[in-house]
Amino acid sequence: MTTDIIAPDLPDGADLLAIAQQALEDLKAVDTVVLDVRELSSVMDWLIVASGTSNRHIKSLADNVMMKAKEQGLRPLGVEGERVGEWVLVDFGDVVVHVMQPAARSFYDLERLWSVQSAPPESS
């Protein structure tokens, strides 16, 4: 006798990406950027970087992303920075969301960091 395990119909990475983007847009995130990092990382497929206008706004943006994902049956693997609110990271595995103060975003420059393409080897 075999037992079939029926998994709930959960969104895949592309669906989760759309859910997170919409959640950020709903609360007026600033300068949202989506990076496809599938060729650069084996731990995630998509990286979303957005800014908020205040610590409270940043916390609200991250909370909205988590709430909208939860409505679809998804919970983050981890959340960092909620208490301070200067930079909140929400990790869903395939999709990682960073919501940051503009100063922190400028300093860490994640978009440039994750956009680096490998340079061809130099010949001598």
PDB file of N, CA and C in Angstrom:
ATOM      1  N   MET A   1       0.838  -1.167   0.000  1.00  0.00           N
ATOM      2  CA  MET A   1       0.000   0.000   0.000  1.00  0.00           C
ATOM      3  C   MET A   1       0.889   1.238   0.000  1.00  0.00           C
ATOM      4  N   THR A   2       0.641   2.125  -0.940  1.00  0.00           N
ATOM      5  CA  THR A   2       1.403   3.368  -0.998  1.00  0.00           C
ATOM      6  C   THR A   2       0.500   4.525  -0.615  1.00  0.00           C
ATOM      7  N   THR A   3       1.122   5.496  -0.029  1.00  0.00           N
ATOM      8  CA  THR A   3       0.386   6.688   0.375  1.00  0.00           C
ATOM      9  C   THR A   3       0.893   7.863  -0.430  1.00  0.00           C
ATOM     10  N   ASP A   4       0.000   8.519  -1.112  1.00  0.00           N
ATOM     11  CA  ASP A   4       0.379   9.715  -1.849  1.00  0.00           C
ATOM     12  C   ASP A   4       0.299  10.911  -0.918  1.00  0.00           C
ATOM     13  N   ILE A   5       1.358  11.679  -0.920  1.00  0.00           N
ATOM     14  CA  ILE A   5       1.373  12.902  -0.125  1.00  0.00           C
ATOM     15  C   ILE A   5       0.959  14.035  -1.053  1.00  0.00           C
ATOM     16  N   ILE A   6      -0.071  14.707  -0.680  1.00  0.00           N
ATOM     17  CA  ILE A   6      -0.555  15.809  -1.499  1.00  0.00           C
ATOM     18  C   ILE A   6      -0.030  17.108  -0.902  1.00  0.00           C
ATOM     19  N   ALA A   7       0.838  17.749  -1.664  1.00  0.00           N
ATOM     20  CA  ALA A   7       1.402  19.029  -1.211  1.00  0.00           C
ATOM     21  C   ALA A   7       0.466  20.148  -1.630  1.00  0.00           C
ATOM     22  N   PRO A   8       0.339  21.154  -0.802  1.00  0.00           N
ATOM     23  CA  PRO A   8      -0.495  22.286  -1.193  1.00  0.00           C
ATOM     24  C   PRO A   8       0.073  22.966  -2.427  1.00  0.00           C
ATOM     25  N   ASP A   9      -0.770  23.573  -3.196  1.00  0.00           N
ATOM     26  CA  ASP A   9      -0.359  24.264  -4.407  1.00  0.00           C
ATOM     27  C   ASP A   9       0.248  25.618  -4.018  1.00  0.00           C
ATOM     28  N   LEU A  10       1.543  25.608  -3.754  1.00  0.00           N
ATOM     29  CA  LEU A  10       2.236  26.826  -3.321  1.00  0.00           C
ATOM     30  C   LEU A  10       2.860  27.527  -4.516  1.00  0.00           C
ATOM     31  N   PRO A  11       2.989  28.833  -4.433  1.00  0.00           N
ATOM     32  CA  PRO A  11       3.604  29.582  -5.527  1.00  0.00           C
ATOM     33  C   PRO A  11       5.067  29.188  -5.720  1.00  0.00           C
ATOM     34  N   ASP A  12       5.525  29.224  -6.969  1.00  0.00           N
ATOM     35  CA  ASP A  12       6.942  28.990  -7.229  1.00  0.00           C
ATOM     36  C   ASP A  12       7.693  30.309  -7.094  1.00  0.00           C
ATOM     37  N   GLY A  13       8.988  30.297  -7.412  1.00  0.00           N
ATOM     38  CA  GLY A  13       9.815  31.491  -7.239  1.00  0.00           C
ATOM     39  C   GLY A  13       9.311  32.702  -8.009  1.00  0.00           C
ATOM     40  N   ALA A  14       8.864  32.484  -9.259  1.00  0.00           N
ATOM     41  CA  ALA A  14       8.377  33.611 -10.061  1.00  0.00           C
ATOM     42  C   ALA A  14       7.095  34.188  -9.463  1.00  0.00           C
ATOM     43  N   ASP A  15       6.212  33.318  -8.958  1.00  0.00           N
ATOM     44  CA  ASP A  15       4.987  33.798  -8.314  1.00  0.00           C
ATOM     45  C   ASP A  15       5.314  34.570  -7.043  1.00  0.00           C
ATOM     46  N   LEU A  16       6.243  34.043  -6.258  1.00  0.00           N
ATOM     47  CA  LEU A  16       6.642  34.718  -5.023  1.00  0.00           C
ATOM     48  C   LEU A  16       7.283  36.067  -5.332  1.00  0.00           C
ATOM     49  N   LEU A  17       8.045  36.106  -6.394  1.00  0.00           N
ATOM     50  CA  LEU A  17       8.647  37.369  -6.830  1.00  0.00           C
ATOM     51  C   LEU A  17       7.559  38.404  -7.109  1.00  0.00           C
ATOM     52  N   ALA A  18       6.530  38.004  -7.834  1.00  0.00           N
ATOM     53  CA  ALA A  18       5.424  38.918  -8.153  1.00  0.00           C
ATOM     54  C   ALA A  18       4.672  39.345  -6.892  1.00  0.00           C
ATOM     55  N   ILE A  19       4.481  38.417  -5.966  1.00  0.00           N
ATOM     56  CA  ILE A  19       3.799  38.729  -4.700  1.00  0.00           C
ATOM     57  C   ILE A  19       4.597  39.770  -3.923  1.00  0.00           C
ATOM     58  N   ALA A  20       5.910  39.565  -3.819  1.00  0.00           N
ATOM     59  CA  ALA A  20       6.763  40.501  -3.076  1.00  0.00           C
ATOM     60  C   ALA A  20       6.793  41.868  -3.745  1.00  0.00           C
ATOM     61  N   GLN A  21       6.902  41.892  -5.064  1.00  0.00           N
ATOM     62  CA  GLN A  21       6.924  43.167  -5.776  1.00  0.00           C
ATOM     63  C   GLN A  21       5.620  43.930  -5.554  1.00  0.00           C
ATOM     64  N   GLN A  22       4.499  43.238  -5.638  1.00  0.00           N
ATOM     65  CA  GLN A  22       3.209  43.895  -5.457  1.00  0.00           C
ATOM     66  C   GLN A  22       3.054  44.408  -4.025  1.00  0.00           C
ATOM     67  N   ALA A  23       3.521  43.622  -3.056  1.00  0.00           N
ATOM     68  CA  ALA A  23       3.436  44.038  -1.655  1.00  0.00           C
ATOM     69  C   ALA A  23       4.249  45.304  -1.415  1.00  0.00           C
ATOM     70  N   LEU A  24       5.410  45.410  -2.046  1.00  0.00           N
ATOM     71  CA  LEU A  24       6.233  46.612  -1.916  1.00  0.00           C
ATOM     72  C   LEU A  24       5.577  47.796  -2.615  1.00  0.00           C
ATOM     73  N   GLU A  25       5.034  47.548  -3.794  1.00  0.00           N
ATOM     74  CA  GLU A  25       4.372  48.608  -4.546  1.00  0.00           C
ATOM     75  C   GLU A  25       3.136  49.132  -3.812  1.00  0.00           C
ATOM     76  N   ASP A  26       2.397  48.223  -3.171  1.00  0.00           N
ATOM     77  CA  ASP A  26       1.180  48.613  -2.451  1.00  0.00           C
ATOM     78  C   ASP A  26       1.446  49.676  -1.391  1.00  0.00           C
ATOM     79  N   LEU A  27       2.620  49.592  -0.745  1.00  0.00           N
ATOM     80  CA  LEU A  27       2.942  50.549   0.311  1.00  0.00           C
ATOM     81  C   LEU A  27       3.985  51.576  -0.130  1.00  0.00           C
ATOM     82  N   LYS A  28       4.103  51.751  -1.431  1.00  0.00           N
ATOM     83  CA  LYS A  28       4.932  52.821  -2.005  1.00  0.00           C
ATOM     84  C   LYS A  28       6.415  52.718  -1.674  1.00  0.00           C
ATOM     85  N   ALA A  29       6.993  51.535  -1.889  1.00  0.00           N
ATOM     86  CA  ALA A  29       8.442  51.390  -1.752  1.00  0.00           C
ATOM     87  C   ALA A  29       9.119  52.302  -2.770  1.00  0.00           C
ATOM     88  N   VAL A  30      10.312  52.736  -2.445  1.00  0.00           N
ATOM     89  CA  VAL A  30      11.057  53.661  -3.290  1.00  0.00           C
ATOM     90  C   VAL A  30      12.154  52.903  -4.034  1.00  0.00           C
ATOM     91  N   ASP A  31      12.278  53.170  -5.325  1.00  0.00           N
ATOM     92  CA  ASP A  31      13.368  52.623  -6.157  1.00  0.00           C
ATOM     93  C   ASP A  31      13.533  51.106  -6.023  1.00  0.00           C
ATOM     94  N   THR A  32      12.479  50.369  -6.246  1.00  0.00           N
ATOM     95  CA  THR A  32      12.558  48.912  -6.169  1.00  0.00           C
ATOM     96  C   THR A  32      13.308  48.369  -7.376  1.00  0.00           C
ATOM     97  N   VAL A  33      14.285  47.510  -7.098  1.00  0.00           N
ATOM     98  CA  VAL A  33      15.091  46.887  -8.145  1.00  0.00           C
ATOM     99  C   VAL A  33      15.024  45.375  -7.945  1.00  0.00           C
ATOM    100  N   VAL A  34      14.804  44.649  -9.037  1.00  0.00           N
ATOM    101  CA  VAL A  34      14.784  43.186  -9.000  1.00  0.00           C
ATOM    102  C   VAL A  34      15.991  42.683  -9.771  1.00  0.00           C
ATOM    103  N   LEU A  35      16.780  41.852  -9.109  1.00  0.00           N
ATOM    104  CA  LEU A  35      17.972  41.294  -9.745  1.00  0.00           C
ATOM    105  C   LEU A  35      17.808  39.793  -9.918  1.00  0.00           C
ATOM    106  N   ASP A  36      18.062  39.322 -11.122  1.00  0.00           N
ATOM    107  CA  ASP A  36      18.070  37.899 -11.419  1.00  0.00           C
ATOM    108  C   ASP A  36      19.481  37.393 -11.108  1.00  0.00           C
ATOM    109  N   VAL A  37      19.623  36.642 -10.034  1.00  0.00           N
ATOM    110  CA  VAL A  37      20.949  36.182  -9.606  1.00  0.00           C
ATOM    111  C   VAL A  37      21.116  34.676  -9.783  1.00  0.00           C
ATOM    112  N   ARG A  38      20.282  34.077 -10.632  1.00  0.00           N
ATOM    113  CA  ARG A  38      20.344  32.617 -10.836  1.00  0.00           C
ATOM    114  C   ARG A  38      21.709  32.159 -11.339  1.00  0.00           C
ATOM    115  N   GLU A  39      22.368  32.992 -12.136  1.00  0.00           N
ATOM    116  CA  GLU A  39      23.686  32.623 -12.659  1.00  0.00           C
ATOM    117  C   GLU A  39      24.812  32.904 -11.659  1.00  0.00           C
ATOM    118  N   LEU A  40      24.508  33.663 -10.607  1.00  0.00           N
ATOM    119  CA  LEU A  40      25.528  34.079  -9.645  1.00  0.00           C
ATOM    120  C   LEU A  40      25.440  33.357  -8.306  1.00  0.00           C
ATOM    121  N   SER A  41      24.284  32.743  -8.013  1.00  0.00           N
ATOM    122  CA  SER A  41      24.074  32.174  -6.687  1.00  0.00           C
ATOM    123  C   SER A  41      23.342  30.845  -6.777  1.00  0.00           C
ATOM    124  N   SER A  42      23.722  29.939  -5.910  1.00  0.00           N
ATOM    125  CA  SER A  42      23.012  28.661  -5.835  1.00  0.00           C
ATOM    126  C   SER A  42      22.010  28.647  -4.683  1.00  0.00           C
ATOM    127  N   VAL A  43      21.961  29.719  -3.897  1.00  0.00           N
ATOM    128  CA  VAL A  43      21.067  29.754  -2.735  1.00  0.00           C
ATOM    129  C   VAL A  43      19.809  30.575  -2.967  1.00  0.00           C
ATOM    130  N   MET A  44      19.783  31.389  -4.017  1.00  0.00           N
ATOM    131  CA  MET A  44      18.586  32.165  -4.327  1.00  0.00           C
ATOM    132  C   MET A  44      18.544  32.420  -5.822  1.00  0.00           C
ATOM    133  N   ASP A  45      17.337  32.742  -6.294  1.00  0.00           N
ATOM    134  CA  ASP A  45      17.157  33.059  -7.709  1.00  0.00           C
ATOM    135  C   ASP A  45      16.964  34.550  -7.942  1.00  0.00           C
ATOM    136  N   TRP A  46      16.269  35.192  -7.029  1.00  0.00           N
ATOM    137  CA  TRP A  46      15.902  36.588  -7.205  1.00  0.00           C
ATOM    138  C   TRP A  46      16.242  37.386  -5.953  1.00  0.00           C
ATOM    139  N   LEU A  47      16.714  38.594  -6.167  1.00  0.00           N
ATOM    140  CA  LEU A  47      17.036  39.517  -5.093  1.00  0.00           C
ATOM    141  C   LEU A  47      16.261  40.800  -5.359  1.00  0.00           C
ATOM    142  N   ILE A  48      15.480  41.225  -4.383  1.00  0.00           N
ATOM    143  CA  ILE A  48      14.746  42.483  -4.501  1.00  0.00           C
ATOM    144  C   ILE A  48      15.340  43.464  -3.509  1.00  0.00           C
ATOM    145  N   VAL A  49      15.668  44.650  -3.992  1.00  0.00           N
ATOM    146  CA  VAL A  49      16.192  45.710  -3.137  1.00  0.00           C
ATOM    147  C   VAL A  49      15.260  46.911  -3.284  1.00  0.00           C
ATOM    148  N   ALA A  50      14.789  47.426  -2.154  1.00  0.00           N
ATOM    149  CA  ALA A  50      13.895  48.579  -2.162  1.00  0.00           C
ATOM    150  C   ALA A  50      14.249  49.486  -0.993  1.00  0.00           C
ATOM    151  N   SER A  51      13.846  50.735  -1.102  1.00  0.00           N
ATOM    152  CA  SER A  51      14.074  51.687  -0.019  1.00  0.00           C
ATOM    153  C   SER A  51      12.746  52.124   0.575  1.00  0.00           C
ATOM    154  N   GLY A  52      12.832  52.560   1.826  1.00  0.00           N
ATOM    155  CA  GLY A  52      11.699  53.161   2.507  1.00  0.00           C
ATOM    156  C   GLY A  52      12.078  54.561   2.930  1.00  0.00           C
ATOM    157  N   THR A  53      11.084  55.326   3.347  1.00  0.00           N
ATOM    158  CA  THR A  53      11.332  56.724   3.691  1.00  0.00           C
ATOM    159  C   THR A  53      11.639  56.941   5.167  1.00  0.00           C
ATOM    160  N   SER A  54      11.395  55.933   5.995  1.00  0.00           N
ATOM    161  CA  SER A  54      11.661  56.029   7.434  1.00  0.00           C
ATOM    162  C   SER A  54      11.759  54.607   7.987  1.00  0.00           C
ATOM    163  N   ASN A  55      12.216  54.484   9.225  1.00  0.00           N
ATOM    164  CA  ASN A  55      12.284  53.157   9.847  1.00  0.00           C
ATOM    165  C   ASN A  55      10.912  52.499   9.903  1.00  0.00           C
ATOM    166  N   ARG A  56       9.904  53.292  10.230  1.00  0.00           N
ATOM    167  CA  ARG A  56       8.539  52.759  10.298  1.00  0.00           C
ATOM    168  C   ARG A  56       8.068  52.285   8.919  1.00  0.00           C
ATOM    169  N   HIS A  57       8.384  53.052   7.887  1.00  0.00           N
ATOM    170  CA  HIS A  57       8.003  52.668   6.525  1.00  0.00           C
ATOM    171  C   HIS A  57       8.697  51.371   6.126  1.00  0.00           C
ATOM    172  N   ILE A  58       9.972  51.247   6.455  1.00  0.00           N
ATOM    173  CA  ILE A  58      10.730  50.040   6.129  1.00  0.00           C
ATOM    174  C   ILE A  58      10.118  48.822   6.815  1.00  0.00           C
ATOM    175  N   LYS A  59       9.800  48.955   8.093  1.00  0.00           N
ATOM    176  CA  LYS A  59       9.165  47.846   8.819  1.00  0.00           C
ATOM    177  C   LYS A  59       7.820  47.490   8.195  1.00  0.00           C
ATOM    178  N   SER A  60       7.040  48.500   7.819  1.00  0.00           N
ATOM    179  CA  SER A  60       5.732  48.262   7.208  1.00  0.00           C
ATOM    180  C   SER A  60       5.868  47.552   5.861  1.00  0.00           C
ATOM    181  N   LEU A  61       6.841  47.958   5.069  1.00  0.00           N
ATOM    182  CA  LEU A  61       7.074  47.311   3.773  1.00  0.00           C
ATOM    183  C   LEU A  61       7.415  45.834   3.959  1.00  0.00           C
ATOM    184  N   ALA A  62       8.350  45.550   4.865  1.00  0.00           N
ATOM    185  CA  ALA A  62       8.742  44.158   5.114  1.00  0.00           C
ATOM    186  C   ALA A  62       7.572  43.355   5.668  1.00  0.00           C
ATOM    187  N   ASP A  63       6.805  43.935   6.580  1.00  0.00           N
ATOM    188  CA  ASP A  63       5.634  43.253   7.134  1.00  0.00           C
ATOM    189  C   ASP A  63       4.612  42.941   6.047  1.00  0.00           C
ATOM    190  N   ASN A  64       4.419  43.872   5.122  1.00  0.00           N
ATOM    191  CA  ASN A  64       3.454  43.652   4.050  1.00  0.00           C
ATOM    192  C   ASN A  64       3.893  42.519   3.118  1.00  0.00           C
ATOM    193  N   VAL A  65       5.189  42.455   2.840  1.00  0.00           N
ATOM    194  CA  VAL A  65       5.718  41.349   2.028  1.00  0.00           C
ATOM    195  C   VAL A  65       5.432  40.026   2.729  1.00  0.00           C
ATOM    196  N   MET A  66       5.709  39.961   4.024  1.00  0.00           N
ATOM    197  CA  MET A  66       5.475  38.718   4.773  1.00  0.00           C
ATOM    198  C   MET A  66       3.989  38.374   4.850  1.00  0.00           C
ATOM    199  N   MET A  67       3.138  39.378   5.038  1.00  0.00           N
ATOM    200  CA  MET A  67       1.702  39.147   5.137  1.00  0.00           C
ATOM    201  C   MET A  67       1.136  38.626   3.813  1.00  0.00           C
ATOM    202  N   LYS A  68       1.530  39.245   2.702  1.00  0.00           N
ATOM    203  CA  LYS A  68       1.029  38.818   1.390  1.00  0.00           C
ATOM    204  C   LYS A  68       1.522  37.411   1.051  1.00  0.00           C
ATOM    205  N   ALA A  69       2.740  37.088   1.435  1.00  0.00           N
ATOM    206  CA  ALA A  69       3.257  35.740   1.205  1.00  0.00           C
ATOM    207  C   ALA A  69       2.512  34.735   2.074  1.00  0.00           C
ATOM    208  N   LYS A  70       2.249  35.111   3.313  1.00  0.00           N
ATOM    209  CA  LYS A  70       1.524  34.228   4.233  1.00  0.00           C
ATOM    210  C   LYS A  70       0.130  33.911   3.704  1.00  0.00           C
ATOM    211  N   GLU A  71      -0.511  34.896   3.075  1.00  0.00           N
ATOM    212  CA  GLU A  71      -1.831  34.679   2.478  1.00  0.00           C
ATOM    213  C   GLU A  71      -1.781  33.598   1.403  1.00  0.00           C
ATOM    214  N   GLN A  72      -0.614  33.394   0.813  1.00  0.00           N
ATOM    215  CA  GLN A  72      -0.427  32.366  -0.213  1.00  0.00           C
ATOM    216  C   GLN A  72       0.173  31.080   0.361  1.00  0.00           C
ATOM    217  N   GLY A  73       0.253  31.012   1.681  1.00  0.00           N
ATOM    218  CA  GLY A  73       0.746  29.803   2.337  1.00  0.00           C
ATOM    219  C   GLY A  73       2.248  29.739   2.510  1.00  0.00           C
ATOM    220  N   LEU A  74       2.918  30.856   2.352  1.00  0.00           N
ATOM    221  CA  LEU A  74       4.379  30.878   2.469  1.00  0.00           C
ATOM    222  C   LEU A  74       4.828  31.651   3.693  1.00  0.00           C
ATOM    223  N   ARG A  75       5.848  31.152   4.332  1.00  0.00           N
ATOM    224  CA  ARG A  75       6.463  31.843   5.462  1.00  0.00           C
ATOM    225  C   ARG A  75       7.943  32.016   5.143  1.00  0.00           C
ATOM    226  N   PRO A  76       8.526  33.118   5.588  1.00  0.00           N
ATOM    227  CA  PRO A  76       9.952  33.317   5.317  1.00  0.00           C
ATOM    228  C   PRO A  76      10.810  32.315   6.088  1.00  0.00           C
ATOM    229  N   LEU A  77      11.945  32.004   5.501  1.00  0.00           N
ATOM    230  CA  LEU A  77      12.925  31.151   6.179  1.00  0.00           C
ATOM    231  C   LEU A  77      13.606  31.922   7.292  1.00  0.00           C
ATOM    232  N   GLY A  78      13.703  33.232   7.104  1.00  0.00           N
ATOM    233  CA  GLY A  78      14.330  34.072   8.111  1.00  0.00           C
ATOM    234  C   GLY A  78      14.037  35.536   7.859  1.00  0.00           C
ATOM    235  N   VAL A  79      14.069  36.298   8.934  1.00  0.00           N
ATOM    236  CA  VAL A  79      13.870  37.749   8.862  1.00  0.00           C
ATOM    237  C   VAL A  79      14.907  38.374   9.786  1.00  0.00           C
ATOM    238  N   GLU A  80      15.592  39.373   9.287  1.00  0.00           N
ATOM    239  CA  GLU A  80      16.613  40.070  10.073  1.00  0.00           C
ATOM    240  C   GLU A  80      16.369  41.564  10.039  1.00  0.00           C
ATOM    241  N   GLY A  81      16.637  42.251  11.132  1.00  0.00           N
ATOM    242  CA  GLY A  81      16.631  43.700  11.179  1.00  0.00           C
ATOM    243  C   GLY A  81      15.306  44.354  11.501  1.00  0.00           C
ATOM    244  N   GLU A  82      14.300  43.592  11.876  1.00  0.00           N
ATOM    245  CA  GLU A  82      12.976  44.161  12.144  1.00  0.00           C
ATOM    246  C   GLU A  82      12.971  45.148  13.307  1.00  0.00           C
ATOM    247  N   ARG A  83      13.751  44.879  14.309  1.00  0.00           N
ATOM    248  CA  ARG A  83      13.717  45.746  15.500  1.00  0.00           C
ATOM    249  C   ARG A  83      14.210  47.145  15.207  1.00  0.00           C
ATOM    250  N   VAL A  84      15.311  47.245  14.493  1.00  0.00           N
ATOM    251  CA  VAL A  84      15.903  48.550  14.217  1.00  0.00           C
ATOM    252  C   VAL A  84      15.195  49.232  13.052  1.00  0.00           C
ATOM    253  N   GLY A  85      14.962  48.494  11.987  1.00  0.00           N
ATOM    254  CA  GLY A  85      14.233  49.041  10.857  1.00  0.00           C
ATOM    255  C   GLY A  85      15.061  49.827   9.864  1.00  0.00           C
ATOM    256  N   GLU A  86      16.370  49.831  10.010  1.00  0.00           N
ATOM    257  CA  GLU A  86      17.214  50.537   9.047  1.00  0.00           C
ATOM    258  C   GLU A  86      17.411  49.688   7.795  1.00  0.00           C
ATOM    259  N   TRP A  87      17.451  48.366   7.993  1.00  0.00           N
ATOM    260  CA  TRP A  87      17.625  47.428   6.890  1.00  0.00           C
ATOM    261  C   TRP A  87      16.943  46.139   7.324  1.00  0.00           C
ATOM    262  N   VAL A  88      15.882  45.759   6.638  1.00  0.00           N
ATOM    263  CA  VAL A  88      15.177  44.517   6.951  1.00  0.00           C
ATOM    264  C   VAL A  88      15.369  43.566   5.780  1.00  0.00           C
ATOM    265  N   LEU A  89      15.809  42.353   6.099  1.00  0.00           N
ATOM    266  CA  LEU A  89      15.997  41.302   5.111  1.00  0.00           C
ATOM    267  C   LEU A  89      14.936  40.243   5.356  1.00  0.00           C
ATOM    268  N   VAL A  90      14.211  39.856   4.301  1.00  0.00           N
ATOM    269  CA  VAL A  90      13.213  38.800   4.382  1.00  0.00           C
ATOM    270  C   VAL A  90      13.636  37.727   3.392  1.00  0.00           C
ATOM    271  N   ASP A  91      13.955  36.531   3.903  1.00  0.00           N
ATOM    272  CA  ASP A  91      14.484  35.434   3.094  1.00  0.00           C
ATOM    273  C   ASP A  91      13.409  34.377   2.873  1.00  0.00           C
ATOM    274  N   PHE A  92      13.011  34.201   1.611  1.00  0.00           N
ATOM    275  CA  PHE A  92      12.054  33.164   1.244  1.00  0.00           C
ATOM    276  C   PHE A  92      12.728  32.014   0.508  1.00  0.00           C
ATOM    277  N   GLY A  93      14.047  31.969   0.525  1.00  0.00           N
ATOM    278  CA  GLY A  93      14.750  30.922  -0.211  1.00  0.00           C
ATOM    279  C   GLY A  93      15.043  31.381  -1.628  1.00  0.00           C
ATOM    280  N   ASP A  94      14.114  31.134  -2.543  1.00  0.00           N
ATOM    281  CA  ASP A  94      14.302  31.538  -3.941  1.00  0.00           C
ATOM    282  C   ASP A  94      14.304  33.050  -4.116  1.00  0.00           C
ATOM    283  N   VAL A  95      13.604  33.739  -3.243  1.00  0.00           N
ATOM    284  CA  VAL A  95      13.496  35.201  -3.319  1.00  0.00           C
ATOM    285  C   VAL A  95      13.945  35.792  -1.984  1.00  0.00           C
ATOM    286  N   VAL A  96      14.866  36.751  -2.053  1.00  0.00           N
ATOM    287  CA  VAL A  96      15.330  37.448  -0.855  1.00  0.00           C
ATOM    288  C   VAL A  96      15.036  38.933  -1.055  1.00  0.00           C
ATOM    289  N   VAL A  97      14.367  39.521  -0.064  1.00  0.00           N
ATOM    290  CA  VAL A  97      13.953  40.917  -0.132  1.00  0.00           C
ATOM    291  C   VAL A  97      14.765  41.731   0.875  1.00  0.00           C
ATOM    292  N   HIS A  98      15.363  42.817   0.387  1.00  0.00           N
ATOM    293  CA  HIS A  98      16.081  43.764   1.241  1.00  0.00           C
ATOM    294  C   HIS A  98      15.331  45.088   1.180  1.00  0.00           C
ATOM    295  N   VAL A  99      14.895  45.592   2.323  1.00  0.00           N
ATOM    296  CA  VAL A  99      14.257  46.910   2.395  1.00  0.00           C
ATOM    297  C   VAL A  99      15.160  47.763   3.273  1.00  0.00           C
ATOM    298  N   MET A 100      15.647  48.873   2.715  1.00  0.00           N
ATOM    299  CA  MET A 100      16.721  49.616   3.363  1.00  0.00           C
ATOM    300  C   MET A 100      16.468  51.116   3.382  1.00  0.00           C
ATOM    301  N   GLN A 101      17.103  51.780   4.348  1.00  0.00           N
ATOM    302  CA  GLN A 101      17.192  53.236   4.340  1.00  0.00           C
ATOM    303  C   GLN A 101      18.072  53.624   3.147  1.00  0.00           C
ATOM    304  N   PRO A 102      17.798  54.744   2.490  1.00  0.00           N
ATOM    305  CA  PRO A 102      18.627  55.150   1.349  1.00  0.00           C
ATOM    306  C   PRO A 102      20.125  55.238   1.662  1.00  0.00           C
ATOM    307  N   ALA A 103      20.487  55.716   2.857  1.00  0.00           N
ATOM    308  CA  ALA A 103      21.914  55.825   3.205  1.00  0.00           C
ATOM    309  C   ALA A 103      22.578  54.451   3.284  1.00  0.00           C
ATOM    310  N   ALA A 104      21.910  53.484   3.908  1.00  0.00           N
ATOM    311  CA  ALA A 104      22.456  52.123   4.004  1.00  0.00           C
ATOM    312  C   ALA A 104      22.518  51.484   2.620  1.00  0.00           C
ATOM    313  N   ARG A 105      21.497  51.723   1.827  1.00  0.00           N
ATOM    314  CA  ARG A 105      21.466  51.153   0.475  1.00  0.00           C
ATOM    315  C   ARG A 105      22.617  51.697  -0.364  1.00  0.00           C
ATOM    316  N   SER A 106      22.861  52.993  -0.253  1.00  0.00           N
ATOM    317  CA  SER A 106      23.960  53.604  -0.991  1.00  0.00           C
ATOM    318  C   SER A 106      25.308  53.069  -0.515  1.00  0.00           C
ATOM    319  N   PHE A 107      25.461  52.919   0.794  1.00  0.00           N
ATOM    320  CA  PHE A 107      26.721  52.449   1.362  1.00  0.00           C
ATOM    321  C   PHE A 107      27.035  51.009   0.936  1.00  0.00           C
ATOM    322  N   TYR A 108      26.065  50.106   1.067  1.00  0.00           N
ATOM    323  CA  TYR A 108      26.301  48.691   0.757  1.00  0.00           C
ATOM    324  C   TYR A 108      26.178  48.378  -0.730  1.00  0.00           C
ATOM    325  N   ASP A 109      25.453  49.172  -1.476  1.00  0.00           N
ATOM    326  CA  ASP A 109      25.360  49.079  -2.936  1.00  0.00           C
ATOM    327  C   ASP A 109      25.179  47.634  -3.431  1.00  0.00           C
ATOM    328  N   LEU A 110      24.145  46.989  -2.907  1.00  0.00           N
ATOM    329  CA  LEU A 110      23.887  45.586  -3.264  1.00  0.00           C
ATOM    330  C   LEU A 110      23.644  45.388  -4.754  1.00  0.00           C
ATOM    331  N   GLU A 111      23.033  46.360  -5.399  1.00  0.00           N
ATOM    332  CA  GLU A 111      22.780  46.224  -6.835  1.00  0.00           C
ATOM    333  C   GLU A 111      24.076  46.046  -7.609  1.00  0.00           C
ATOM    334  N   ARG A 112      25.073  46.849  -7.284  1.00  0.00           N
ATOM    335  CA  ARG A 112      26.366  46.736  -7.968  1.00  0.00           C
ATOM    336  C   ARG A 112      27.059  45.435  -7.579  1.00  0.00           C
ATOM    337  N   LEU A 113      27.007  45.103  -6.299  1.00  0.00           N
ATOM    338  CA  LEU A 113      27.652  43.880  -5.818  1.00  0.00           C
ATOM    339  C   LEU A 113      27.130  42.645  -6.542  1.00  0.00           C
ATOM    340  N   TRP A 114      25.806  42.537  -6.693  1.00  0.00           N
ATOM    341  CA  TRP A 114      25.197  41.360  -7.316  1.00  0.00           C
ATOM    342  C   TRP A 114      25.131  41.455  -8.827  1.00  0.00           C
ATOM    343  N   SER A 115      25.540  42.574  -9.401  1.00  0.00           N
ATOM    344  CA  SER A 115      25.528  42.715 -10.856  1.00  0.00           C
ATOM    345  C   SER A 115      26.901  42.471 -11.460  1.00  0.00           C
ATOM    346  N   VAL A 116      27.888  42.203 -10.632  1.00  0.00           N
ATOM    347  CA  VAL A 116      29.248  42.003 -11.111  1.00  0.00           C
ATOM    348  C   VAL A 116      29.299  40.769 -11.998  1.00  0.00           C
ATOM    349  N   GLN A 117      29.788  40.962 -13.194  1.00  0.00           N
ATOM    350  CA  GLN A 117      29.973  39.841 -14.115  1.00  0.00           C
ATOM    351  C   GLN A 117      31.438  39.427 -14.049  1.00  0.00           C
ATOM    352  N   SER A 118      31.684  38.148 -14.242  1.00  0.00           N
ATOM    353  CA  SER A 118      33.071  37.687 -14.160  1.00  0.00           C
ATOM    354  C   SER A 118      33.842  38.250 -15.361  1.00  0.00           C
ATOM    355  N   ALA A 119      35.024  38.745 -15.056  1.00  0.00           N
ATOM    356  CA  ALA A 119      35.883  39.315 -16.088  1.00  0.00           C
ATOM    357  C   ALA A 119      36.659  38.202 -16.762  1.00  0.00           C
ATOM    358  N   PRO A 120      36.927  38.335 -18.042  1.00  0.00           N
ATOM    359  CA  PRO A 120      37.747  37.322 -18.716  1.00  0.00           C
ATOM    360  C   PRO A 120      39.162  37.342 -18.157  1.00  0.00           C
ATOM    361  N   PRO A 121      39.822  36.194 -18.116  1.00  0.00           N
ATOM    362  CA  PRO A 121      41.189  36.169 -17.584  1.00  0.00           C
ATOM    363  C   PRO A 121      42.124  37.013 -18.449  1.00  0.00           C
ATOM    364  N   GLU A 122      43.057  37.679 -17.754  1.00  0.00           N
ATOM    365  CA  GLU A 122      44.022  38.505 -18.483  1.00  0.00           C
ATOM    366  C   GLU A 122      45.095  37.626 -19.073  1.00  0.00           C
ATOM    367  N   SER A 123      45.498  37.955 -20.291  1.00  0.00           N
ATOM    368  CA  SER A 123      46.579  37.188 -20.912  1.00  0.00           C
ATOM    369  C   SER A 123      47.882  37.953 -20.754  1.00  0.00           C
ATOM    370  N   SER A 124      48.996  37.209 -20.591  1.00  0.00           N
ATOM    371  CA  SER A 124      50.268  37.895 -20.412  1.00  0.00           C
ATOM    372  C   SER A 124      51.145  37.745 -21.603  1.00  0.00           C
TER     373      SER A 124
END
